[in-house]
N, C-alpha and C. Protein backbone atom coordinates (compact mmCIF):
# COMPACT_ATOMS: atom_id res chain seq x y z
N MET A 1 47.84 170.42 160.22
CA MET A 1 49.24 170.32 159.94
C MET A 1 49.47 169.66 158.62
N LEU A 2 48.64 168.60 158.23
CA LEU A 2 48.79 167.91 156.98
C LEU A 2 48.48 168.82 155.82
N ASP A 3 47.55 169.71 155.99
CA ASP A 3 47.27 170.67 154.96
C ASP A 3 48.41 171.63 154.68
N LYS A 4 49.12 172.03 155.74
CA LYS A 4 50.30 172.86 155.54
C LYS A 4 51.39 172.15 154.95
N ALA A 5 51.66 170.96 155.33
CA ALA A 5 52.73 170.12 154.70
C ALA A 5 52.38 169.91 153.18
N SER A 6 51.09 169.66 152.90
CA SER A 6 50.71 169.47 151.54
C SER A 6 50.93 170.71 150.70
N ALA A 7 50.72 171.92 151.27
CA ALA A 7 50.89 173.19 150.57
C ALA A 7 52.41 173.32 150.25
N ILE A 8 53.27 172.96 151.12
CA ILE A 8 54.73 173.07 150.94
C ILE A 8 55.12 172.11 149.78
N LEU A 9 54.61 170.80 149.83
CA LEU A 9 54.97 169.92 148.76
C LEU A 9 54.38 170.34 147.38
N GLY A 10 53.21 170.97 147.50
CA GLY A 10 52.65 171.48 146.20
C GLY A 10 53.41 172.60 145.61
N ALA A 11 53.93 173.50 146.43
CA ALA A 11 54.80 174.49 145.93
C ALA A 11 56.08 174.00 145.33
N LEU A 12 56.64 172.94 145.94
CA LEU A 12 57.86 172.37 145.49
C LEU A 12 57.71 171.57 144.19
N GLU A 13 56.42 171.07 143.99
CA GLU A 13 56.18 170.39 142.69
C GLU A 13 56.45 171.28 141.48
N VAL A 14 56.18 172.57 141.70
CA VAL A 14 56.40 173.48 140.62
C VAL A 14 57.93 173.73 140.28
N ALA A 15 58.65 173.88 141.38
CA ALA A 15 60.06 174.19 141.22
C ALA A 15 60.77 174.16 142.62
N PRO A 16 62.05 173.91 142.70
CA PRO A 16 62.81 174.07 143.94
C PRO A 16 62.73 175.51 144.44
N ARG A 17 62.67 175.82 145.63
CA ARG A 17 62.52 177.18 146.19
C ARG A 17 63.33 177.36 147.45
N ASN A 18 63.90 178.64 147.59
CA ASN A 18 64.54 178.95 148.80
C ASN A 18 63.47 179.27 149.88
N LEU A 19 63.81 179.52 151.05
CA LEU A 19 62.85 179.68 152.19
C LEU A 19 61.91 180.86 151.92
N PRO A 20 62.46 182.05 151.52
CA PRO A 20 61.51 183.16 151.28
C PRO A 20 60.57 182.93 150.15
N ASP A 21 60.96 182.20 149.06
CA ASP A 21 60.08 181.91 148.04
C ASP A 21 58.99 180.93 148.40
N LEU A 22 59.44 179.96 149.25
CA LEU A 22 58.50 178.92 149.77
C LEU A 22 57.49 179.58 150.66
N VAL A 23 57.87 180.52 151.47
CA VAL A 23 56.93 181.26 152.36
C VAL A 23 55.96 182.03 151.47
N ALA A 24 56.40 182.68 150.39
CA ALA A 24 55.56 183.47 149.53
C ALA A 24 54.57 182.61 148.81
N ALA A 25 55.08 181.35 148.37
CA ALA A 25 54.21 180.53 147.60
C ALA A 25 53.14 179.87 148.40
N THR A 26 53.43 179.60 149.67
CA THR A 26 52.39 178.96 150.53
C THR A 26 51.55 179.88 151.38
N GLY A 27 52.05 181.03 151.70
CA GLY A 27 51.37 181.96 152.48
C GLY A 27 51.35 181.64 153.93
N LEU A 28 52.27 180.71 154.24
CA LEU A 28 52.37 180.27 155.65
C LEU A 28 53.50 181.05 156.36
N PRO A 29 53.45 181.15 157.68
CA PRO A 29 54.51 181.88 158.40
C PRO A 29 55.92 181.28 158.20
N ARG A 30 56.92 182.04 158.14
CA ARG A 30 58.28 181.61 157.92
C ARG A 30 58.70 180.42 158.83
N ALA A 31 58.45 180.63 160.17
CA ALA A 31 58.85 179.52 161.11
C ALA A 31 58.09 178.22 160.83
N THR A 32 56.88 178.32 160.45
CA THR A 32 56.05 177.11 160.16
C THR A 32 56.65 176.42 158.92
N VAL A 33 56.89 177.18 157.86
CA VAL A 33 57.47 176.61 156.61
C VAL A 33 58.86 176.02 156.91
N HIS A 34 59.71 176.64 157.72
CA HIS A 34 61.03 176.09 157.95
C HIS A 34 60.89 174.81 158.72
N ARG A 35 60.06 174.82 159.76
CA ARG A 35 59.91 173.66 160.66
C ARG A 35 59.34 172.40 159.84
N LEU A 36 58.28 172.69 159.08
CA LEU A 36 57.72 171.62 158.30
C LEU A 36 58.60 171.07 157.21
N ALA A 37 59.26 172.00 156.43
CA ALA A 37 60.17 171.58 155.38
C ALA A 37 61.35 170.80 155.95
N SER A 38 61.79 171.19 157.11
CA SER A 38 62.90 170.39 157.73
C SER A 38 62.39 169.09 158.25
N ALA A 39 61.21 168.96 158.70
CA ALA A 39 60.65 167.66 159.09
C ALA A 39 60.43 166.75 157.86
N LEU A 40 59.98 167.28 156.79
CA LEU A 40 59.74 166.61 155.57
C LEU A 40 61.06 166.13 155.03
N GLU A 41 62.07 166.91 155.24
CA GLU A 41 63.47 166.53 154.80
C GLU A 41 63.94 165.32 155.54
N VAL A 42 63.68 165.17 156.80
CA VAL A 42 64.06 164.04 157.62
C VAL A 42 63.39 162.77 157.03
N HIS A 43 62.26 162.87 156.54
CA HIS A 43 61.53 161.80 155.98
C HIS A 43 61.78 161.57 154.46
N ARG A 44 62.74 162.38 153.92
CA ARG A 44 63.14 162.29 152.47
C ARG A 44 62.01 162.56 151.49
N LEU A 45 61.05 163.35 152.01
CA LEU A 45 60.02 163.81 151.13
C LEU A 45 60.45 165.21 150.54
N VAL A 46 61.30 165.84 151.18
CA VAL A 46 61.99 167.09 150.69
C VAL A 46 63.45 166.93 150.88
N ARG A 47 64.26 167.60 150.04
CA ARG A 47 65.69 167.60 150.15
C ARG A 47 66.19 168.99 149.77
N ARG A 48 67.47 169.17 150.00
CA ARG A 48 68.15 170.47 149.67
C ARG A 48 68.93 170.31 148.39
N THR A 49 68.84 171.23 147.49
CA THR A 49 69.68 171.24 146.37
C THR A 49 71.10 171.79 146.74
N GLU A 50 72.01 171.75 145.74
CA GLU A 50 73.38 172.18 146.05
C GLU A 50 73.43 173.63 146.52
N ASP A 51 72.53 174.41 145.98
CA ASP A 51 72.49 175.82 146.39
C ASP A 51 71.62 176.13 147.56
N GLY A 52 71.23 175.05 148.27
CA GLY A 52 70.40 175.31 149.51
C GLY A 52 68.95 175.38 149.40
N ARG A 53 68.40 175.31 148.21
CA ARG A 53 66.93 175.40 147.99
C ARG A 53 66.25 174.15 148.42
N PHE A 54 65.03 174.22 148.78
CA PHE A 54 64.17 173.06 149.05
C PHE A 54 63.67 172.44 147.76
N ALA A 55 63.60 171.16 147.65
CA ALA A 55 63.06 170.46 146.46
C ALA A 55 62.40 169.19 146.88
N LEU A 56 61.56 168.63 145.98
CA LEU A 56 60.97 167.36 146.29
C LEU A 56 62.09 166.26 146.54
N GLY A 57 61.79 165.39 147.53
CA GLY A 57 62.76 164.43 147.83
C GLY A 57 62.60 163.18 146.98
N ALA A 58 63.62 162.26 147.14
CA ALA A 58 63.68 161.09 146.37
C ALA A 58 62.54 160.13 146.56
N ARG A 59 61.86 160.20 147.76
CA ARG A 59 60.73 159.25 147.98
C ARG A 59 59.59 159.63 147.13
N LEU A 60 59.50 160.91 146.59
CA LEU A 60 58.44 161.31 145.81
C LEU A 60 58.58 161.27 144.35
N THR A 61 59.85 161.40 143.88
CA THR A 61 60.04 161.41 142.45
C THR A 61 61.41 160.87 142.17
N LYS A 62 61.48 159.99 141.20
CA LYS A 62 62.81 159.41 140.75
C LYS A 62 63.66 160.45 140.07
N ALA A 63 62.97 161.48 139.52
CA ALA A 63 63.74 162.63 138.97
C ALA A 63 64.68 163.19 139.96
N SER A 64 64.22 163.26 141.17
CA SER A 64 65.08 163.72 142.28
C SER A 64 66.30 162.87 142.48
N LEU A 65 66.16 161.57 142.36
CA LEU A 65 67.20 160.65 142.47
C LEU A 65 68.28 160.92 141.35
N ALA A 66 67.77 161.08 140.24
CA ALA A 66 68.70 161.42 139.07
C ALA A 66 69.44 162.78 139.26
N GLU A 67 68.69 163.76 139.70
CA GLU A 67 69.25 165.06 139.97
C GLU A 67 70.29 165.04 141.12
N ALA A 68 69.94 164.30 142.16
CA ALA A 68 70.84 164.13 143.30
C ALA A 68 72.17 163.41 142.95
N ALA A 69 72.03 162.46 142.04
CA ALA A 69 73.18 161.62 141.64
C ALA A 69 74.09 162.33 140.65
N ARG A 70 73.62 163.26 139.82
CA ARG A 70 74.34 163.76 138.71
C ARG A 70 75.69 164.33 139.10
N PRO A 71 75.92 165.05 140.20
CA PRO A 71 77.35 165.58 140.48
C PRO A 71 78.30 164.44 140.74
N ALA A 72 77.88 163.43 141.47
CA ALA A 72 78.76 162.30 141.84
C ALA A 72 79.03 161.41 140.55
N LEU A 73 77.99 161.34 139.67
CA LEU A 73 78.22 160.56 138.49
C LEU A 73 79.18 161.30 137.51
N ASP A 74 79.04 162.63 137.41
CA ASP A 74 79.92 163.46 136.58
C ASP A 74 81.36 163.20 137.06
N ARG A 75 81.61 163.23 138.42
CA ARG A 75 82.94 163.13 138.94
C ARG A 75 83.45 161.66 138.64
N LEU A 76 82.57 160.66 138.84
CA LEU A 76 82.99 159.32 138.54
C LEU A 76 83.48 159.08 137.14
N ARG A 77 82.67 159.66 136.16
CA ARG A 77 83.13 159.44 134.77
C ARG A 77 84.40 160.21 134.56
N ASP A 78 84.55 161.46 135.10
CA ASP A 78 85.84 162.13 134.80
C ASP A 78 86.99 161.46 135.46
N GLU A 79 86.78 160.84 136.69
CA GLU A 79 87.86 160.22 137.43
C GLU A 79 88.26 158.90 136.71
N THR A 80 87.29 158.19 136.25
CA THR A 80 87.58 156.79 135.66
C THR A 80 87.86 156.92 134.09
N GLY A 81 87.28 157.86 133.50
CA GLY A 81 87.36 157.90 132.04
C GLY A 81 86.49 156.91 131.33
N GLU A 82 85.61 156.27 132.04
CA GLU A 82 84.70 155.27 131.56
C GLU A 82 83.25 155.71 131.63
N SER A 83 82.38 154.97 130.90
CA SER A 83 80.92 155.30 130.97
C SER A 83 80.36 154.97 132.34
N VAL A 84 79.41 155.74 132.77
CA VAL A 84 78.85 155.66 134.07
C VAL A 84 77.29 155.54 133.93
N GLN A 85 76.63 154.72 134.72
CA GLN A 85 75.25 154.60 134.76
C GLN A 85 74.60 154.53 136.15
N LEU A 86 73.42 154.91 136.23
CA LEU A 86 72.63 154.78 137.50
C LEU A 86 71.37 153.97 137.14
N TYR A 87 71.26 152.75 137.83
CA TYR A 87 70.11 151.92 137.53
C TYR A 87 69.21 151.83 138.78
N VAL A 88 67.91 151.70 138.47
CA VAL A 88 66.89 151.48 139.57
C VAL A 88 66.11 150.21 139.25
N PRO A 89 65.61 149.50 140.26
CA PRO A 89 64.87 148.26 139.97
C PRO A 89 63.42 148.59 139.62
N ARG A 90 62.94 147.81 138.55
CA ARG A 90 61.55 147.94 138.17
C ARG A 90 61.11 146.55 137.86
N ALA A 91 60.29 146.02 138.81
CA ALA A 91 59.77 144.64 138.74
C ALA A 91 60.97 143.67 138.57
N ASP A 92 60.99 142.99 137.43
CA ASP A 92 62.04 141.98 137.17
C ASP A 92 63.15 142.46 136.28
N ARG A 93 63.24 143.84 136.10
CA ARG A 93 64.26 144.40 135.27
C ARG A 93 64.98 145.52 136.06
N ARG A 94 66.03 146.00 135.50
CA ARG A 94 66.75 147.19 136.08
C ARG A 94 66.67 148.16 134.91
N VAL A 95 66.38 149.48 135.28
CA VAL A 95 66.18 150.52 134.25
C VAL A 95 67.28 151.51 134.45
N CYS A 96 67.85 151.93 133.32
CA CYS A 96 68.91 152.98 133.36
C CYS A 96 68.27 154.35 133.58
N LEU A 97 68.54 155.01 134.67
CA LEU A 97 67.94 156.31 134.99
C LEU A 97 68.81 157.44 134.55
N VAL A 98 70.17 157.24 134.60
CA VAL A 98 71.12 158.20 134.12
C VAL A 98 72.20 157.48 133.37
N SER A 99 72.77 158.01 132.30
CA SER A 99 73.78 157.41 131.53
C SER A 99 74.71 158.52 131.05
N LEU A 100 76.00 158.39 131.40
CA LEU A 100 77.03 159.33 130.98
C LEU A 100 78.12 158.58 130.21
N GLU A 101 78.35 158.96 128.97
CA GLU A 101 79.22 158.22 128.15
C GLU A 101 80.72 158.63 128.40
N SER A 102 81.60 157.69 128.15
CA SER A 102 83.03 157.92 128.26
C SER A 102 83.50 158.79 127.08
N PRO A 103 84.52 159.55 127.29
CA PRO A 103 85.08 160.29 126.14
C PRO A 103 85.80 159.52 125.15
N HIS A 104 86.12 158.24 125.43
CA HIS A 104 86.79 157.37 124.42
C HIS A 104 85.89 157.03 123.29
N SER A 105 86.49 156.81 122.16
CA SER A 105 85.67 156.43 120.99
C SER A 105 85.08 155.01 121.17
N LEU A 106 85.85 154.19 121.83
CA LEU A 106 85.40 152.77 122.17
C LEU A 106 84.86 152.84 123.58
N ARG A 107 83.51 152.73 123.73
CA ARG A 107 82.89 152.94 124.99
C ARG A 107 81.63 152.14 125.09
N THR A 108 81.09 152.00 126.36
CA THR A 108 79.82 151.31 126.63
C THR A 108 78.75 152.40 126.53
N ILE A 109 77.70 152.04 125.74
CA ILE A 109 76.58 152.99 125.61
C ILE A 109 75.32 152.24 126.10
N VAL A 110 74.70 152.87 127.13
CA VAL A 110 73.45 152.33 127.63
C VAL A 110 72.48 153.49 127.57
N PRO A 111 71.47 153.45 126.81
CA PRO A 111 70.43 154.53 126.70
C PRO A 111 69.67 154.72 128.00
N VAL A 112 69.37 155.95 128.37
CA VAL A 112 68.44 156.20 129.43
C VAL A 112 67.10 155.57 129.16
N GLY A 113 66.56 154.82 130.16
CA GLY A 113 65.30 154.12 129.88
C GLY A 113 65.50 152.69 129.53
N ALA A 114 66.70 152.25 129.19
CA ALA A 114 66.89 150.90 128.78
C ALA A 114 66.58 149.94 129.95
N ALA A 115 65.93 148.92 129.73
CA ALA A 115 65.43 147.87 130.72
C ALA A 115 66.34 146.66 130.45
N LEU A 116 67.21 146.36 131.43
CA LEU A 116 68.15 145.23 131.33
C LEU A 116 67.80 144.17 132.35
N PRO A 117 68.34 142.92 132.12
CA PRO A 117 67.98 141.81 133.00
C PRO A 117 68.53 142.00 134.39
N MET A 118 67.82 141.34 135.30
CA MET A 118 68.32 141.37 136.75
C MET A 118 69.01 140.09 137.15
N ASP A 119 69.50 139.33 136.17
CA ASP A 119 70.18 138.08 136.52
C ASP A 119 71.63 138.11 136.01
N VAL A 120 72.08 139.13 135.28
CA VAL A 120 73.47 139.25 134.85
C VAL A 120 73.96 140.66 134.96
N GLY A 121 75.27 140.79 135.22
CA GLY A 121 75.83 142.14 135.32
C GLY A 121 76.01 142.54 136.77
N SER A 122 77.01 143.43 136.98
CA SER A 122 77.31 143.94 138.34
C SER A 122 76.12 144.70 138.97
N ALA A 123 75.50 145.49 138.11
CA ALA A 123 74.36 146.31 138.70
C ALA A 123 73.19 145.34 139.11
N ALA A 124 72.96 144.28 138.39
CA ALA A 124 71.98 143.36 138.79
C ALA A 124 72.28 142.68 140.19
N LYS A 125 73.59 142.32 140.39
CA LYS A 125 74.03 141.73 141.60
C LYS A 125 73.72 142.73 142.83
N VAL A 126 74.08 144.00 142.51
CA VAL A 126 73.84 145.04 143.57
C VAL A 126 72.38 145.18 143.83
N LEU A 127 71.57 145.26 142.88
CA LEU A 127 70.09 145.46 143.05
C LEU A 127 69.43 144.38 143.68
N ASN A 128 70.02 143.13 143.45
CA ASN A 128 69.51 141.91 144.12
C ASN A 128 70.03 141.78 145.59
N ASP A 129 70.87 142.70 145.96
CA ASP A 129 71.47 142.73 147.33
C ASP A 129 72.01 141.37 147.76
N LEU A 130 72.84 140.84 146.89
CA LEU A 130 73.41 139.49 147.19
C LEU A 130 74.29 139.57 148.39
N PRO A 131 74.48 138.52 149.14
CA PRO A 131 75.24 138.45 150.37
C PRO A 131 76.77 138.85 150.05
N ALA A 132 77.30 138.46 148.95
CA ALA A 132 78.70 138.83 148.59
C ALA A 132 78.81 140.33 148.38
N VAL A 133 77.75 140.93 147.84
CA VAL A 133 77.80 142.36 147.60
C VAL A 133 77.70 143.11 148.97
N ARG A 134 76.87 142.62 149.82
CA ARG A 134 76.73 143.18 151.21
C ARG A 134 78.09 143.16 151.91
N ARG A 135 78.79 141.99 151.73
CA ARG A 135 80.05 141.80 152.40
C ARG A 135 81.07 142.76 151.91
N LYS A 136 81.25 142.86 150.57
CA LYS A 136 82.30 143.69 149.92
C LYS A 136 81.93 145.09 149.73
N GLY A 137 80.61 145.36 149.57
CA GLY A 137 80.14 146.67 149.23
C GLY A 137 80.09 147.08 147.79
N TRP A 138 80.42 146.10 146.91
CA TRP A 138 80.38 146.36 145.49
C TRP A 138 80.39 144.99 144.71
N ALA A 139 80.18 145.02 143.44
CA ALA A 139 80.18 143.84 142.62
C ALA A 139 80.81 144.13 141.34
N GLU A 140 81.39 143.12 140.70
CA GLU A 140 81.99 143.24 139.38
C GLU A 140 81.47 142.23 138.40
N SER A 141 81.57 142.47 137.13
CA SER A 141 81.19 141.46 136.13
C SER A 141 82.12 141.64 134.89
N VAL A 142 82.42 140.57 134.34
CA VAL A 142 83.26 140.58 133.10
C VAL A 142 82.57 139.75 132.05
N GLU A 143 82.12 140.35 131.00
CA GLU A 143 81.53 139.74 129.90
C GLU A 143 80.26 138.85 130.22
N GLU A 144 79.54 139.26 131.32
CA GLU A 144 78.36 138.53 131.70
C GLU A 144 77.21 138.89 130.74
N ARG A 145 76.95 140.18 130.57
CA ARG A 145 75.80 140.60 129.83
C ARG A 145 76.22 140.81 128.33
N GLU A 146 77.36 141.25 128.08
CA GLU A 146 77.79 141.55 126.73
C GLU A 146 79.29 141.26 126.58
N VAL A 147 79.68 140.63 125.50
CA VAL A 147 81.04 140.20 125.23
C VAL A 147 81.87 141.38 125.09
N GLY A 148 83.01 141.40 125.78
CA GLY A 148 83.99 142.51 125.61
C GLY A 148 83.78 143.63 126.64
N VAL A 149 82.76 143.49 127.54
CA VAL A 149 82.45 144.58 128.44
C VAL A 149 82.56 144.11 129.88
N ALA A 150 83.15 144.93 130.73
CA ALA A 150 83.28 144.70 132.17
C ALA A 150 82.72 145.85 132.94
N SER A 151 82.22 145.53 134.13
CA SER A 151 81.66 146.65 134.91
C SER A 151 81.81 146.45 136.38
N VAL A 152 81.74 147.54 137.15
CA VAL A 152 81.77 147.50 138.60
C VAL A 152 80.61 148.41 139.11
N SER A 153 79.88 147.86 140.13
CA SER A 153 78.68 148.59 140.65
C SER A 153 78.72 148.66 142.09
N ALA A 154 78.10 149.69 142.72
CA ALA A 154 77.92 149.74 144.17
C ALA A 154 76.53 150.14 144.52
N PRO A 155 75.99 149.77 145.61
CA PRO A 155 74.59 150.11 145.93
C PRO A 155 74.46 151.47 146.52
N VAL A 156 73.30 152.08 146.18
CA VAL A 156 72.82 153.36 146.80
C VAL A 156 71.70 152.88 147.72
N ARG A 157 71.79 153.10 149.03
CA ARG A 157 70.81 152.61 150.00
C ARG A 157 69.99 153.78 150.60
N ASP A 158 68.79 153.44 150.87
CA ASP A 158 67.90 154.32 151.65
C ASP A 158 67.62 153.45 152.93
N GLY A 159 68.37 153.73 153.94
CA GLY A 159 68.32 152.85 155.17
C GLY A 159 68.91 151.47 154.80
N ASP A 160 68.12 150.43 155.02
CA ASP A 160 68.56 149.11 154.64
C ASP A 160 68.21 148.62 153.23
N ARG A 161 67.45 149.48 152.50
CA ARG A 161 66.95 149.07 151.20
C ARG A 161 67.88 149.65 150.09
N VAL A 162 68.18 148.79 149.15
CA VAL A 162 68.95 149.24 147.99
C VAL A 162 68.00 149.86 147.01
N VAL A 163 68.17 151.23 146.70
CA VAL A 163 67.25 151.92 145.82
C VAL A 163 67.86 152.15 144.37
N ALA A 164 69.16 151.95 144.24
CA ALA A 164 69.80 152.16 143.00
C ALA A 164 71.17 151.53 142.95
N ALA A 165 71.73 151.42 141.74
CA ALA A 165 73.09 150.91 141.64
C ALA A 165 73.89 151.91 140.71
N VAL A 166 75.03 152.30 141.20
CA VAL A 166 75.99 153.13 140.46
C VAL A 166 76.96 152.24 139.75
N SER A 167 77.15 152.40 138.43
CA SER A 167 77.99 151.49 137.65
C SER A 167 78.98 152.24 136.78
N VAL A 168 80.21 151.67 136.72
CA VAL A 168 81.19 152.03 135.72
C VAL A 168 81.35 150.89 134.76
N SER A 169 81.28 151.14 133.49
CA SER A 169 81.42 150.06 132.55
C SER A 169 82.30 150.53 131.35
N GLY A 170 82.99 149.56 130.82
CA GLY A 170 83.88 149.82 129.64
C GLY A 170 84.38 148.58 128.99
N PRO A 171 85.14 148.70 127.93
CA PRO A 171 85.76 147.61 127.29
C PRO A 171 86.71 146.88 128.16
N VAL A 172 86.74 145.55 128.13
CA VAL A 172 87.60 144.70 128.97
C VAL A 172 89.07 145.07 128.72
N GLU A 173 89.43 145.46 127.52
CA GLU A 173 90.81 145.77 127.21
C GLU A 173 91.30 146.97 128.01
N ARG A 174 90.37 147.91 128.51
CA ARG A 174 90.80 148.97 129.33
C ARG A 174 90.52 148.72 130.83
N THR A 175 89.38 148.09 131.09
CA THR A 175 88.90 147.94 132.45
C THR A 175 89.58 146.73 133.14
N SER A 176 90.09 145.81 132.26
CA SER A 176 90.82 144.56 132.72
C SER A 176 89.70 143.50 133.12
N ARG A 177 90.28 142.34 133.43
CA ARG A 177 89.37 141.22 133.84
C ARG A 177 89.18 141.28 135.33
N SER A 178 89.77 142.21 136.03
CA SER A 178 89.59 142.40 137.43
C SER A 178 89.19 143.92 137.61
N PRO A 179 88.06 144.37 137.06
CA PRO A 179 87.73 145.76 137.12
C PRO A 179 87.47 146.34 138.52
N GLY A 180 87.15 145.47 139.51
CA GLY A 180 86.97 145.85 140.87
C GLY A 180 88.20 146.46 141.50
N LYS A 181 89.40 145.91 141.09
CA LYS A 181 90.61 146.44 141.60
C LYS A 181 90.90 147.85 141.25
N ARG A 182 90.39 148.28 140.02
CA ARG A 182 90.62 149.53 139.51
C ARG A 182 89.51 150.57 139.90
N TYR A 183 88.25 150.09 140.03
CA TYR A 183 87.16 151.05 140.09
C TYR A 183 86.28 150.90 141.35
N ALA A 184 86.41 149.83 142.09
CA ALA A 184 85.55 149.62 143.31
C ALA A 184 85.49 150.80 144.21
N LYS A 185 86.68 151.35 144.55
CA LYS A 185 86.75 152.46 145.51
C LYS A 185 86.01 153.69 144.95
N ALA A 186 86.29 153.98 143.73
CA ALA A 186 85.62 155.21 143.14
C ALA A 186 84.09 155.07 143.04
N VAL A 187 83.66 153.91 142.67
CA VAL A 187 82.25 153.61 142.55
C VAL A 187 81.53 153.69 143.93
N SER A 188 82.21 153.11 144.96
CA SER A 188 81.72 153.10 146.28
C SER A 188 81.55 154.56 146.84
N VAL A 189 82.61 155.32 146.59
CA VAL A 189 82.56 156.70 147.05
C VAL A 189 81.42 157.45 146.36
N ALA A 190 81.26 157.26 145.05
CA ALA A 190 80.08 157.92 144.38
C ALA A 190 78.75 157.53 145.00
N ALA A 191 78.64 156.24 145.26
CA ALA A 191 77.31 155.75 145.82
C ALA A 191 77.12 156.38 147.22
N ARG A 192 78.10 156.55 148.05
CA ARG A 192 77.90 157.22 149.38
C ARG A 192 77.60 158.69 149.21
N ASP A 193 78.24 159.26 148.24
CA ASP A 193 77.91 160.71 147.94
C ASP A 193 76.49 160.87 147.56
N ILE A 194 75.95 160.01 146.69
CA ILE A 194 74.53 160.04 146.29
C ILE A 194 73.69 159.88 147.47
N GLU A 195 73.97 158.91 148.32
CA GLU A 195 73.17 158.65 149.61
C GLU A 195 73.05 159.90 150.37
N SER A 196 74.21 160.61 150.50
CA SER A 196 74.21 161.82 151.37
C SER A 196 73.32 162.94 150.82
N ARG A 197 73.05 162.87 149.48
CA ARG A 197 72.23 163.88 148.90
C ARG A 197 70.75 163.55 148.83
N LEU A 198 70.37 162.36 149.15
CA LEU A 198 68.93 161.95 149.11
C LEU A 198 68.19 162.41 150.40
């Protein structure tokens, strides 16, 4: 059974596949491929893309997390008009996995791959899973990491574990000194949407 599951994962390493393509790539019976791929999906080793194809799950590759998050992040940027980021924890830092810039000329820019501190900013609070964040479901920061910038973040959870933070950030003059009032609901909705895709 392990050999068959490994064959499925190996075929998905190459590219996402629909069921007939996965059957052809593995040489396994259709019922076996469907049963095993569905079981792997329960364990988040396999996931479904928007068009229904099987792909490697978030537990196997962070690229899958970025891909799963992209539709929700696009909507969040469009809805808020501000820059949007997805952060993941890496040892004592948080790393930007996805960054979408605001259409405004004055905006927050965080490059993909940027490693930021885990002791300041709303995303850091979320990734540290602070009690206040668990209670509210989101965190905000105003000029904690950078003067003139405010942000709101919500956790993306895999069961009880926080695996990422979704953030909206922008200039204080637009986001205000209480950015949670403006963006907490939208950020939380995006986080739940990403969870549903993992």
